[in-house]
Amino acid sequence: MDLTKTITIFLVVLLHGLQFCNEDSPATWQGNRMTIVVLTFHMPLFMIISGFFFQSSLRLSLKELLASKICQLLVPALV
């Protein structure tokens, strides 16, 4: 699951980067067949996997969930 989530994050970053690589027109990258194929599955797959991991968070109380997310997200962002 972590590998699949990593690959989908990579595809999101790659496709957002490809938007700005074409000097002719920013919309031309969307006509690429590979781009169209990747766009059809990478975000839904990422959301499904994120939801799968979030399911375990539902067992925590609100206080435990907030403390966990602060440690996971806010502390690294501040460091």
C-alpha atoms as a PDB file:
ATOM      1  CA  MET A   1       0.000   0.000   0.000  1.00  0.00           C
ATOM      2  CA  ASP A   2       2.795   2.437   0.825  1.00  0.00           C
ATOM      3  CA  LEU A   3       4.483   1.732  -2.508  1.00  0.00           C
ATOM      4  CA  THR A   4       1.241   2.329  -4.394  1.00  0.00           C
ATOM      5  CA  LYS A   5       0.667   5.579  -2.521  1.00  0.00           C
ATOM      6  CA  THR A   6       4.265   6.633  -3.270  1.00  0.00           C
ATOM      7  CA  ILE A   7       3.792   5.920  -6.982  1.00  0.00           C
ATOM      8  CA  THR A   8       0.557   7.920  -7.130  1.00  0.00           C
ATOM      9  CA  ILE A   9       2.197  10.871  -5.350  1.00  0.00           C
ATOM     10  CA  PHE A  10       5.067  10.673  -7.851  1.00  0.00           C
ATOM     11  CA  LEU A  11       2.579  10.689 -10.763  1.00  0.00           C
ATOM     12  CA  VAL A  12       0.821  13.752  -9.348  1.00  0.00           C
ATOM     13  CA  VAL A  13       4.121  15.628  -9.059  1.00  0.00           C
ATOM     14  CA  LEU A  14       5.261  14.443 -12.504  1.00  0.00           C
ATOM     15  CA  LEU A  15       2.086  15.523 -14.256  1.00  0.00           C
ATOM     16  CA  HIS A  16       2.045  18.894 -12.527  1.00  0.00           C
ATOM     17  CA  GLY A  17       5.665  19.372 -13.605  1.00  0.00           C
ATOM     18  CA  LEU A  18       4.904  18.389 -17.205  1.00  0.00           C
ATOM     19  CA  GLN A  19       2.386  21.206 -17.454  1.00  0.00           C
ATOM     20  CA  PHE A  20       5.195  23.723 -17.580  1.00  0.00           C
ATOM     21  CA  CYS A  21       7.683  21.828 -19.740  1.00  0.00           C
ATOM     22  CA  ASN A  22       6.056  22.610 -23.090  1.00  0.00           C
ATOM     23  CA  GLU A  23       6.978  26.054 -24.381  1.00  0.00           C
ATOM     24  CA  ASP A  24       4.350  26.129 -27.158  1.00  0.00           C
ATOM     25  CA  SER A  25       1.193  25.876 -25.129  1.00  0.00           C
ATOM     26  CA  PRO A  26       0.494  24.809 -21.557  1.00  0.00           C
ATOM     27  CA  ALA A  27      -2.582  22.871 -22.734  1.00  0.00           C
ATOM     28  CA  THR A  28      -0.656  20.681 -25.238  1.00  0.00           C
ATOM     29  CA  TRP A  29       0.578  18.271 -22.554  1.00  0.00           C
ATOM     30  CA  GLN A  30      -3.020  17.216 -21.942  1.00  0.00           C
ATOM     31  CA  GLY A  31      -3.310  15.727 -25.439  1.00  0.00           C
ATOM     32  CA  ASN A  32      -0.569  13.188 -24.768  1.00  0.00           C
ATOM     33  CA  ARG A  33      -2.053   9.655 -24.558  1.00  0.00           C
ATOM     34  CA  MET A  34       0.144   8.650 -21.635  1.00  0.00           C
ATOM     35  CA  THR A  35      -0.974  11.718 -19.728  1.00  0.00           C
ATOM     36  CA  ILE A  36      -4.630  10.938 -20.403  1.00  0.00           C
ATOM     37  CA  VAL A  37      -4.207   7.352 -19.175  1.00  0.00           C
ATOM     38  CA  VAL A  38      -2.421   8.431 -16.002  1.00  0.00           C
ATOM     39  CA  LEU A  39      -4.994  11.168 -15.327  1.00  0.00           C
ATOM     40  CA  THR A  40      -7.814   8.616 -15.394  1.00  0.00           C
ATOM     41  CA  PHE A  41      -6.529   6.616 -12.433  1.00  0.00           C
ATOM     42  CA  HIS A  42      -3.853   8.348 -10.366  1.00  0.00           C
ATOM     43  CA  MET A  43      -6.030  10.711  -8.314  1.00  0.00           C
ATOM     44  CA  PRO A  44      -8.912   8.251  -7.682  1.00  0.00           C
ATOM     45  CA  LEU A  45      -6.377   5.588  -6.679  1.00  0.00           C
ATOM     46  CA  PHE A  46      -4.612   8.050  -4.361  1.00  0.00           C
ATOM     47  CA  MET A  47      -7.936   8.983  -2.714  1.00  0.00           C
ATOM     48  CA  ILE A  48      -8.935   5.325  -2.252  1.00  0.00           C
ATOM     49  CA  ILE A  49      -5.607   4.469  -0.624  1.00  0.00           C
ATOM     50  CA  SER A  50      -5.724   7.579   1.584  1.00  0.00           C
ATOM     51  CA  GLY A  51      -9.220   6.593   2.700  1.00  0.00           C
ATOM     52  CA  PHE A  52      -7.983   3.082   3.471  1.00  0.00           C
ATOM     53  CA  PHE A  53      -5.302   4.501   5.769  1.00  0.00           C
ATOM     54  CA  PHE A  54      -7.718   7.014   7.324  1.00  0.00           C
ATOM     55  CA  GLN A  55     -10.041   4.182   8.368  1.00  0.00           C
ATOM     56  CA  SER A  56      -7.706   3.295  11.244  1.00  0.00           C
ATOM     57  CA  SER A  57      -7.893   6.917  12.457  1.00  0.00           C
ATOM     58  CA  LEU A  58     -11.609   6.556  13.070  1.00  0.00           C
ATOM     59  CA  ARG A  59     -10.879   4.331  16.065  1.00  0.00           C
ATOM     60  CA  LEU A  60      -9.100   7.176  17.873  1.00  0.00           C
ATOM     61  CA  SER A  61     -10.750   9.856  19.943  1.00  0.00           C
ATOM     62  CA  LEU A  62     -10.674  13.405  18.573  1.00  0.00           C
ATOM     63  CA  LYS A  63      -7.946  14.384  21.044  1.00  0.00           C
ATOM     64  CA  GLU A  64      -5.762  11.391  20.079  1.00  0.00           C
ATOM     65  CA  LEU A  65      -6.348  12.032  16.370  1.00  0.00           C
ATOM     66  CA  LEU A  66      -5.363  15.704  16.645  1.00  0.00           C
ATOM     67  CA  ALA A  67      -2.267  14.884  18.690  1.00  0.00           C
ATOM     68  CA  SER A  68      -1.255  12.251  16.155  1.00  0.00           C
ATOM     69  CA  LYS A  69      -1.744  14.573  13.167  1.00  0.00           C
ATOM     70  CA  ILE A  70       0.128  17.404  14.879  1.00  0.00           C
ATOM     71  CA  CYS A  71       3.093  15.084  15.453  1.00  0.00           C
ATOM     72  CA  GLN A  72       2.932  13.731  11.895  1.00  0.00           C
ATOM     73  CA  LEU A  73       2.320  16.975  10.002  1.00  0.00           C
ATOM     74  CA  LEU A  74       2.954  20.120  12.013  1.00  0.00           C
ATOM     75  CA  VAL A  75       6.216  19.174  13.757  1.00  0.00           C
ATOM     76  CA  PRO A  76       8.033  18.172  10.503  1.00  0.00           C
ATOM     77  CA  ALA A  77       6.675  21.281   8.745  1.00  0.00           C
ATOM     78  CA  LEU A  78       8.038  23.535  11.484  1.00  0.00           C
ATOM     79  CA  VAL A  79      11.398  21.758  11.600  1.00  0.00           C
END
